[in-house]
């Protein structure tokens, strides 16, 4: 069963955004861009590398360059449970 986004974030995954610049197959002098977001683990980025490998093997547009950013949104220490609740009215 796939993990939810919250489960991924609690297990160390962060939101990774990649901007991929690639050459058009018919017009190699033109660069096109493609934005891709996925939860991934720094510093190895296995999902990004898997996606780029897929791109290289199956798509015609040759990759020119990749820029990416990564932000860990929730760390395991940030998650706290509550022991009670306060009801007003």
PDB file of N, CA and C in Angstrom:
ATOM      1  N   UNK A   1       0.842  -1.176   0.000  1.00  0.00           N
ATOM      2  CA  UNK A   1       0.000   0.000   0.000  1.00  0.00           C
ATOM      3  C   UNK A   1       0.890   1.243   0.000  1.00  0.00           C
ATOM      4  N   UNK A   2       0.647   2.176  -0.935  1.00  0.00           N
ATOM      5  CA  UNK A   2       1.475   3.383  -0.992  1.00  0.00           C
ATOM      6  C   UNK A   2       1.298   4.254   0.251  1.00  0.00           C
ATOM      7  N   UNK A   3       2.391   4.889   0.625  1.00  0.00           N
ATOM      8  CA  UNK A   3       2.343   5.779   1.783  1.00  0.00           C
ATOM      9  C   UNK A   3       1.657   7.090   1.408  1.00  0.00           C
ATOM     10  N   UNK A   4       1.003   7.700   2.388  1.00  0.00           N
ATOM     11  CA  UNK A   4       0.413   9.009   2.172  1.00  0.00           C
ATOM     12  C   UNK A   4       1.520  10.064   2.183  1.00  0.00           C
ATOM     13  N   UNK A   5       1.173  11.271   1.736  1.00  0.00           N
ATOM     14  CA  UNK A   5       2.154  12.354   1.736  1.00  0.00           C
ATOM     15  C   UNK A   5       2.665  12.634   3.146  1.00  0.00           C
ATOM     16  N   UNK A   6       1.769  12.606   4.136  1.00  0.00           N
ATOM     17  CA  UNK A   6       2.189  12.862   5.517  1.00  0.00           C
ATOM     18  C   UNK A   6       3.151  11.784   5.999  1.00  0.00           C
ATOM     19  N   UNK A   7       2.875  10.534   5.688  1.00  0.00           N
ATOM     20  CA  UNK A   7       3.776   9.445   6.083  1.00  0.00           C
ATOM     21  C   UNK A   7       5.150   9.606   5.428  1.00  0.00           C
ATOM     22  N   UNK A   8       5.167  10.031   4.175  1.00  0.00           N
ATOM     23  CA  UNK A   8       6.447  10.260   3.497  1.00  0.00           C
ATOM     24  C   UNK A   8       7.220  11.379   4.176  1.00  0.00           C
ATOM     25  N   UNK A   9       6.534  12.486   4.502  1.00  0.00           N
ATOM     26  CA  UNK A   9       7.213  13.616   5.136  1.00  0.00           C
ATOM     27  C   UNK A   9       7.749  13.240   6.513  1.00  0.00           C
ATOM     28  N   UNK A  10       6.999  12.434   7.260  1.00  0.00           N
ATOM     29  CA  UNK A  10       7.452  12.021   8.584  1.00  0.00           C
ATOM     30  C   UNK A  10       8.619  11.040   8.519  1.00  0.00           C
ATOM     31  N   UNK A  11       8.762  10.354   7.394  1.00  0.00           N
ATOM     32  CA  UNK A  11       9.877   9.420   7.260  1.00  0.00           C
ATOM     33  C   UNK A  11      11.089  10.044   6.581  1.00  0.00           C
ATOM     34  N   UNK A  12      11.113  11.392   6.450  1.00  0.00           N
ATOM     35  CA  UNK A  12      12.311  12.068   5.970  1.00  0.00           C
ATOM     36  C   UNK A  12      12.238  12.607   4.553  1.00  0.00           C
ATOM     37  N   UNK A  13      11.148  12.380   3.849  1.00  0.00           N
ATOM     38  CA  UNK A  13      11.011  12.889   2.495  1.00  0.00           C
ATOM     39  C   UNK A  13      10.685  14.375   2.531  1.00  0.00           C
ATOM     40  N   UNK A  14      11.119  15.096   1.526  1.00  0.00           N
ATOM     41  CA  UNK A  14      10.803  16.507   1.380  1.00  0.00           C
ATOM     42  C   UNK A  14      10.330  16.771  -0.037  1.00  0.00           C
ATOM     43  N   UNK A  15       9.722  17.922  -0.249  1.00  0.00           N
ATOM     44  CA  UNK A  15       9.219  18.274  -1.572  1.00  0.00           C
ATOM     45  C   UNK A  15      10.375  18.742  -2.444  1.00  0.00           C
ATOM     46  N   UNK A  16      10.552  18.068  -3.580  1.00  0.00           N
ATOM     47  CA  UNK A  16      11.618  18.374  -4.518  1.00  0.00           C
ATOM     48  C   UNK A  16      10.970  18.884  -5.805  1.00  0.00           C
ATOM     49  N   UNK A  17      11.442  20.019  -6.278  1.00  0.00           N
ATOM     50  CA  UNK A  17      10.970  20.589  -7.541  1.00  0.00           C
ATOM     51  C   UNK A  17      12.153  20.634  -8.502  1.00  0.00           C
ATOM     52  N   UNK A  18      11.968  20.054  -9.672  1.00  0.00           N
ATOM     53  CA  UNK A  18      13.031  20.026 -10.682  1.00  0.00           C
ATOM     54  C   UNK A  18      12.577  20.779 -11.920  1.00  0.00           C
ATOM     55  N   UNK A  19      13.459  21.616 -12.441  1.00  0.00           N
ATOM     56  CA  UNK A  19      13.238  22.307 -13.702  1.00  0.00           C
ATOM     57  C   UNK A  19      14.188  21.664 -14.698  1.00  0.00           C
ATOM     58  N   UNK A  20      13.633  20.953 -15.664  1.00  0.00           N
ATOM     59  CA  UNK A  20      14.434  20.199 -16.633  1.00  0.00           C
ATOM     60  C   UNK A  20      14.421  20.951 -17.962  1.00  0.00           C
ATOM     61  N   UNK A  21      15.601  21.274 -18.463  1.00  0.00           N
ATOM     62  CA  UNK A  21      15.729  21.918 -19.761  1.00  0.00           C
ATOM     63  C   UNK A  21      16.207  20.853 -20.752  1.00  0.00           C
ATOM     64  N   UNK A  22      15.497  20.759 -21.865  1.00  0.00           N
ATOM     65  CA  UNK A  22      15.838  19.724 -22.848  1.00  0.00           C
ATOM     66  C   UNK A  22      15.759  20.301 -24.252  1.00  0.00           C
ATOM     67  N   UNK A  23      16.447  19.645 -25.161  1.00  0.00           N
ATOM     68  CA  UNK A  23      16.466  20.075 -26.567  1.00  0.00           C
ATOM     69  C   UNK A  23      15.296  19.427 -27.308  1.00  0.00           C
ATOM     70  N   UNK A  24      14.661  20.236 -28.151  1.00  0.00           N
ATOM     71  CA  UNK A  24      13.571  19.721 -28.981  1.00  0.00           C
ATOM     72  C   UNK A  24      14.162  18.742 -30.003  1.00  0.00           C
ATOM     73  N   UNK A  25      13.543  17.574 -30.202  1.00  0.00           N
ATOM     74  CA  UNK A  25      14.122  16.589 -31.130  1.00  0.00           C
ATOM     75  C   UNK A  25      14.257  17.108 -32.566  1.00  0.00           C
ATOM     76  N   UNK A  26      13.279  17.877 -33.047  1.00  0.00           N
ATOM     77  CA  UNK A  26      13.328  18.360 -34.429  1.00  0.00           C
ATOM     78  C   UNK A  26      14.049  19.698 -34.579  1.00  0.00           C
ATOM     79  N   UNK A  27      14.199  20.434 -33.480  1.00  0.00           N
ATOM     80  CA  UNK A  27      14.843  21.754 -33.511  1.00  0.00           C
ATOM     81  C   UNK A  27      15.845  21.811 -32.362  1.00  0.00           C
ATOM     82  N   UNK A  28      17.016  21.242 -32.558  1.00  0.00           N
ATOM     83  CA  UNK A  28      17.988  21.096 -31.478  1.00  0.00           C
ATOM     84  C   UNK A  28      18.562  22.417 -30.973  1.00  0.00           C
ATOM     85  N   UNK A  29      18.350  23.500 -31.696  1.00  0.00           N
ATOM     86  CA  UNK A  29      18.845  24.787 -31.220  1.00  0.00           C
ATOM     87  C   UNK A  29      17.881  25.419 -30.211  1.00  0.00           C
ATOM     88  N   UNK A  30      16.684  24.850 -30.058  1.00  0.00           N
ATOM     89  CA  UNK A  30      15.702  25.365 -29.100  1.00  0.00           C
ATOM     90  C   UNK A  30      15.729  24.558 -27.815  1.00  0.00           C
ATOM     91  N   UNK A  31      15.610  25.269 -26.677  1.00  0.00           N
ATOM     92  CA  UNK A  31      15.492  24.611 -25.382  1.00  0.00           C
ATOM     93  C   UNK A  31      14.056  24.731 -24.893  1.00  0.00           C
ATOM     94  N   UNK A  32      13.540  23.674 -24.389  1.00  0.00           N
ATOM     95  CA  UNK A  32      12.204  23.633 -23.801  1.00  0.00           C
ATOM     96  C   UNK A  32      12.381  23.342 -22.314  1.00  0.00           C
ATOM     97  N   UNK A  33      11.420  23.747 -21.489  1.00  0.00           N
ATOM     98  CA  UNK A  33      11.549  23.447 -20.060  1.00  0.00           C
ATOM     99  C   UNK A  33      10.357  22.626 -19.585  1.00  0.00           C
ATOM    100  N   UNK A  34      10.606  21.834 -18.552  1.00  0.00           N
ATOM    101  CA  UNK A  34       9.599  20.969 -17.961  1.00  0.00           C
ATOM    102  C   UNK A  34       9.776  21.013 -16.449  1.00  0.00           C
ATOM    103  N   UNK A  35       8.704  21.316 -15.724  1.00  0.00           N
ATOM    104  CA  UNK A  35       8.759  21.352 -14.262  1.00  0.00           C
ATOM    105  C   UNK A  35       8.166  20.061 -13.710  1.00  0.00           C
ATOM    106  N   UNK A  36       8.816  19.514 -12.671  1.00  0.00           N
ATOM    107  CA  UNK A  36       8.383  18.241 -12.086  1.00  0.00           C
ATOM    108  C   UNK A  36       8.546  18.311 -10.574  1.00  0.00           C
ATOM    109  N   UNK A  37       7.496  17.891  -9.843  1.00  0.00           N
ATOM    110  CA  UNK A  37       7.545  17.875  -8.386  1.00  0.00           C
ATOM    111  C   UNK A  37       7.258  16.472  -7.878  1.00  0.00           C
ATOM    112  N   UNK A  38       7.974  16.109  -6.830  1.00  0.00           N
ATOM    113  CA  UNK A  38       7.805  14.790  -6.213  1.00  0.00           C
ATOM    114  C   UNK A  38       8.407  14.845  -4.816  1.00  0.00           C
ATOM    115  N   UNK A  39       7.944  13.989  -3.942  1.00  0.00           N
ATOM    116  CA  UNK A  39       8.581  13.848  -2.635  1.00  0.00           C
ATOM    117  C   UNK A  39       9.813  12.973  -2.809  1.00  0.00           C
ATOM    118  N   UNK A  40      10.944  13.436  -2.285  1.00  0.00           N
ATOM    119  CA  UNK A  40      12.203  12.720  -2.462  1.00  0.00           C
ATOM    120  C   UNK A  40      13.076  12.916  -1.224  1.00  0.00           C
ATOM    121  N   UNK A  41      14.118  12.110  -1.122  1.00  0.00           N
ATOM    122  CA  UNK A  41      15.009  12.141   0.036  1.00  0.00           C
ATOM    123  C   UNK A  41      16.354  12.736  -0.368  1.00  0.00           C
ATOM    124  N   UNK A  42      16.751  13.811   0.332  1.00  0.00           N
ATOM    125  CA  UNK A  42      18.073  14.409   0.102  1.00  0.00           C
ATOM    126  C   UNK A  42      19.094  13.628   0.913  1.00  0.00           C
ATOM    127  N   UNK A  43      20.309  13.538   0.541  1.00  0.00           N
ATOM    128  CA  UNK A  43      20.981  14.148  -0.602  1.00  0.00           C
ATOM    129  C   UNK A  43      21.073  13.228  -1.813  1.00  0.00           C
ATOM    130  N   UNK A  44      20.536  12.012  -1.724  1.00  0.00           N
ATOM    131  CA  UNK A  44      20.691  11.054  -2.830  1.00  0.00           C
ATOM    132  C   UNK A  44      19.675  11.230  -3.950  1.00  0.00           C
ATOM    133  N   UNK A  45      18.465  11.711  -3.641  1.00  0.00           N
ATOM    134  CA  UNK A  45      17.393  11.957  -4.608  1.00  0.00           C
ATOM    135  C   UNK A  45      17.131  10.755  -5.518  1.00  0.00           C
ATOM    136  N   UNK A  46      16.759   9.600  -4.949  1.00  0.00           N
ATOM    137  CA  UNK A  46      16.548   8.409  -5.774  1.00  0.00           C
ATOM    138  C   UNK A  46      15.392   8.554  -6.768  1.00  0.00           C
ATOM    139  N   UNK A  47      14.328   9.241  -6.404  1.00  0.00           N
ATOM    140  CA  UNK A  47      13.194   9.389  -7.330  1.00  0.00           C
ATOM    141  C   UNK A  47      13.554  10.296  -8.507  1.00  0.00           C
ATOM    142  N   UNK A  48      14.299  11.358  -8.247  1.00  0.00           N
ATOM    143  CA  UNK A  48      14.727  12.239  -9.335  1.00  0.00           C
ATOM    144  C   UNK A  48      15.636  11.489 -10.294  1.00  0.00           C
ATOM    145  N   UNK A  49      16.596  10.752  -9.759  1.00  0.00           N
ATOM    146  CA  UNK A  49      17.511   9.997 -10.622  1.00  0.00           C
ATOM    147  C   UNK A  49      16.774   8.937 -11.428  1.00  0.00           C
ATOM    148  N   UNK A  50      15.782   8.292 -10.821  1.00  0.00           N
ATOM    149  CA  UNK A  50      14.989   7.290 -11.533  1.00  0.00           C
ATOM    150  C   UNK A  50      14.204   7.945 -12.668  1.00  0.00           C
ATOM    151  N   UNK A  51      13.619   9.130 -12.390  1.00  0.00           N
ATOM    152  CA  UNK A  51      12.871   9.846 -13.427  1.00  0.00           C
ATOM    153  C   UNK A  51      13.781  10.285 -14.565  1.00  0.00           C
ATOM    154  N   UNK A  52      14.963  10.818 -14.236  1.00  0.00           N
ATOM    155  CA  UNK A  52      15.893  11.248 -15.286  1.00  0.00           C
ATOM    156  C   UNK A  52      16.403  10.067 -16.107  1.00  0.00           C
ATOM    157  N   UNK A  53      16.583   8.918 -15.468  1.00  0.00           N
ATOM    158  CA  UNK A  53      16.977   7.709 -16.196  1.00  0.00           C
ATOM    159  C   UNK A  53      15.861   7.280 -17.148  1.00  0.00           C
ATOM    160  N   UNK A  54      14.610   7.326 -16.675  1.00  0.00           N
ATOM    161  CA  UNK A  54      13.460   7.016 -17.527  1.00  0.00           C
ATOM    162  C   UNK A  54      13.421   7.961 -18.725  1.00  0.00           C
ATOM    163  N   UNK A  55      13.620   9.247 -18.476  1.00  0.00           N
ATOM    164  CA  UNK A  55      13.599  10.257 -19.533  1.00  0.00           C
ATOM    165  C   UNK A  55      14.671   9.931 -20.574  1.00  0.00           C
ATOM    166  N   UNK A  56      15.866   9.653 -20.089  1.00  0.00           N
ATOM    167  CA  UNK A  56      16.991   9.389 -20.985  1.00  0.00           C
ATOM    168  C   UNK A  56      16.762   8.141 -21.847  1.00  0.00           C
ATOM    169  N   UNK A  57      16.130   7.117 -21.255  1.00  0.00           N
ATOM    170  CA  UNK A  57      15.919   5.861 -21.985  1.00  0.00           C
ATOM    171  C   UNK A  57      14.752   5.924 -22.964  1.00  0.00           C
ATOM    172  N   UNK A  58      13.685   6.678 -22.650  1.00  0.00           N
ATOM    173  CA  UNK A  58      12.454   6.554 -23.431  1.00  0.00           C
ATOM    174  C   UNK A  58      12.050   7.792 -24.231  1.00  0.00           C
ATOM    175  N   UNK A  59      12.513   8.974 -23.874  1.00  0.00           N
ATOM    176  CA  UNK A  59      12.084  10.186 -24.578  1.00  0.00           C
ATOM    177  C   UNK A  59      13.146  10.659 -25.551  1.00  0.00           C
ATOM    178  N   UNK A  60      12.704  11.334 -26.596  1.00  0.00           N
ATOM    179  CA  UNK A  60      13.626  11.780 -27.646  1.00  0.00           C
ATOM    180  C   UNK A  60      14.373  13.053 -27.288  1.00  0.00           C
ATOM    181  N   UNK A  61      13.799  13.917 -26.477  1.00  0.00           N
ATOM    182  CA  UNK A  61      14.429  15.193 -26.154  1.00  0.00           C
ATOM    183  C   UNK A  61      15.624  15.005 -25.231  1.00  0.00           C
ATOM    184  N   UNK A  62      16.814  15.359 -25.715  1.00  0.00           N
ATOM    185  CA  UNK A  62      18.029  15.206 -24.911  1.00  0.00           C
ATOM    186  C   UNK A  62      18.059  16.260 -23.803  1.00  0.00           C
ATOM    187  N   UNK A  63      18.360  15.835 -22.585  1.00  0.00           N
ATOM    188  CA  UNK A  63      18.408  16.745 -21.451  1.00  0.00           C
ATOM    189  C   UNK A  63      19.628  17.658 -21.578  1.00  0.00           C
ATOM    190  N   UNK A  64      19.384  18.958 -21.452  1.00  0.00           N
ATOM    191  CA  UNK A  64      20.455  19.946 -21.480  1.00  0.00           C
ATOM    192  C   UNK A  64      20.973  20.200 -20.067  1.00  0.00           C
ATOM    193  N   UNK A  65      20.040  20.478 -19.132  1.00  0.00           N
ATOM    194  CA  UNK A  65      20.436  20.742 -17.748  1.00  0.00           C
ATOM    195  C   UNK A  65      19.229  20.552 -16.835  1.00  0.00           C
ATOM    196  N   UNK A  66      19.520  20.404 -15.538  1.00  0.00           N
ATOM    197  CA  UNK A  66      18.486  20.222 -14.526  1.00  0.00           C
ATOM    198  C   UNK A  66      18.822  21.126 -13.344  1.00  0.00           C
ATOM    199  N   UNK A  67      17.838  21.903 -12.911  1.00  0.00           N
ATOM    200  CA  UNK A  67      17.958  22.694 -11.690  1.00  0.00           C
ATOM    201  C   UNK A  67      16.899  22.169 -10.736  1.00  0.00           C
ATOM    202  N   UNK A  68      17.257  22.018  -9.463  1.00  0.00           N
ATOM    203  CA  UNK A  68      16.257  21.510  -8.531  1.00  0.00           C
ATOM    204  C   UNK A  68      16.422  22.151  -7.167  1.00  0.00           C
ATOM    205  N   UNK A  69      15.330  22.122  -6.420  1.00  0.00           N
ATOM    206  CA  UNK A  69      15.347  22.590  -5.039  1.00  0.00           C
ATOM    207  C   UNK A  69      14.635  21.553  -4.195  1.00  0.00           C
ATOM    208  N   UNK A  70      14.973  21.524  -2.919  1.00  0.00           N
ATOM    209  CA  UNK A  70      14.402  20.532  -2.013  1.00  0.00           C
ATOM    210  C   UNK A  70      14.114  21.199  -0.686  1.00  0.00           C
ATOM    211  N   UNK A  71      12.965  20.903  -0.127  1.00  0.00           N
ATOM    212  CA  UNK A  71      12.592  21.467   1.166  1.00  0.00           C
ATOM    213  C   UNK A  71      11.905  20.392   1.981  1.00  0.00           C
ATOM    214  N   UNK A  72      12.463  20.111   3.139  1.00  0.00           N
ATOM    215  CA  UNK A  72      11.836  19.159   4.046  1.00  0.00           C
ATOM    216  C   UNK A  72      10.759  19.923   4.817  1.00  0.00           C
ATOM    217  N   UNK A  73       9.495  19.601   4.550  1.00  0.00           N
ATOM    218  CA  UNK A  73       8.385  20.359   5.101  1.00  0.00           C
ATOM    219  C   UNK A  73       8.104  20.024   6.555  1.00  0.00           C
ATOM    220  N   UNK A  74       8.186  18.756   6.894  1.00  0.00           N
ATOM    221  CA  UNK A  74       7.937  18.321   8.268  1.00  0.00           C
ATOM    222  C   UNK A  74       9.053  17.362   8.661  1.00  0.00           C
ATOM    223  N   UNK A  75       9.632  17.585   9.805  1.00  0.00           N
ATOM    224  CA  UNK A  75      10.635  16.666  10.336  1.00  0.00           C
ATOM    225  C   UNK A  75       9.969  15.823  11.429  1.00  0.00           C
ATOM    226  N   UNK A  76      10.467  14.625  11.694  1.00  0.00           N
ATOM    227  CA  UNK A  76       9.854  13.792  12.722  1.00  0.00           C
ATOM    228  C   UNK A  76       9.709  14.495  14.066  1.00  0.00           C
ATOM    229  N   UNK A  77      10.645  15.387  14.421  1.00  0.00           N
ATOM    230  CA  UNK A  77      10.560  16.101  15.693  1.00  0.00           C
ATOM    231  C   UNK A  77       9.498  17.186  15.716  1.00  0.00           C
ATOM    232  N   UNK A  78       8.964  17.563  14.553  1.00  0.00           N
ATOM    233  CA  UNK A  78       7.946  18.609  14.486  1.00  0.00           C
ATOM    234  C   UNK A  78       6.542  18.078  14.765  1.00  0.00           C
ATOM    235  N   UNK A  79       6.350  16.795  14.721  1.00  0.00           N
ATOM    236  CA  UNK A  79       5.038  16.185  14.865  1.00  0.00           C
ATOM    237  C   UNK A  79       4.759  15.931  16.337  1.00  0.00           C
ATOM    238  N   UNK A  80       3.672  16.496  16.851  1.00  0.00           N
ATOM    239  CA  UNK A  80       3.321  16.320  18.253  1.00  0.00           C
ATOM    240  C   UNK A  80       1.861  15.932  18.363  1.00  0.00           C
ATOM    241  N   UNK A  81       1.565  15.054  19.287  1.00  0.00           N
ATOM    242  CA  UNK A  81       0.168  14.695  19.547  1.00  0.00           C
ATOM    243  C   UNK A  81      -0.367  15.545  20.683  1.00  0.00           C
ATOM    244  N   UNK A  82      -1.665  15.643  20.754  1.00  0.00           N
ATOM    245  CA  UNK A  82      -2.278  16.397  21.834  1.00  0.00           C
ATOM    246  C   UNK A  82      -2.872  15.436  22.838  1.00  0.00           C
ATOM    247  N   UNK A  83      -2.872  15.857  24.101  1.00  0.00           N
ATOM    248  CA  UNK A  83      -3.413  15.009  25.157  1.00  0.00           C
ATOM    249  C   UNK A  83      -4.876  15.347  25.468  1.00  0.00           C
ATOM    250  N   UNK A  84      -5.359  16.425  24.967  1.00  0.00           N
ATOM    251  CA  UNK A  84      -6.741  16.826  25.234  1.00  0.00           C
ATOM    252  C   UNK A  84      -7.166  17.909  24.279  1.00  0.00           C
ATOM    253  N   UNK A  85      -8.378  18.388  24.446  1.00  0.00           N
ATOM    254  CA  UNK A  85      -8.847  19.460  23.607  1.00  0.00           C
ATOM    255  C   UNK A  85      -9.680  20.420  24.438  1.00  0.00           C
ATOM    256  N   UNK A  86      -9.736  21.655  24.013  1.00  0.00           N
ATOM    257  CA  UNK A  86     -10.467  22.702  24.705  1.00  0.00           C
ATOM    258  C   UNK A  86     -11.676  23.063  23.861  1.00  0.00           C
ATOM    259  N   UNK A  87     -12.850  22.893  24.405  1.00  0.00           N
ATOM    260  CA  UNK A  87     -14.090  23.230  23.700  1.00  0.00           C
ATOM    261  C   UNK A  87     -14.633  24.532  24.232  1.00  0.00           C
ATOM    262  N   UNK A  88     -14.935  25.444  23.335  1.00  0.00           N
ATOM    263  CA  UNK A  88     -15.537  26.721  23.718  1.00  0.00           C
ATOM    264  C   UNK A  88     -16.923  26.774  23.094  1.00  0.00           C
ATOM    265  N   UNK A  89     -17.900  26.993  23.942  1.00  0.00           N
ATOM    266  CA  UNK A  89     -19.321  27.027  23.552  1.00  0.00           C
ATOM    267  C   UNK A  89     -19.751  25.712  23.003  1.00  0.00           C
TER     268      UNK A  89
END
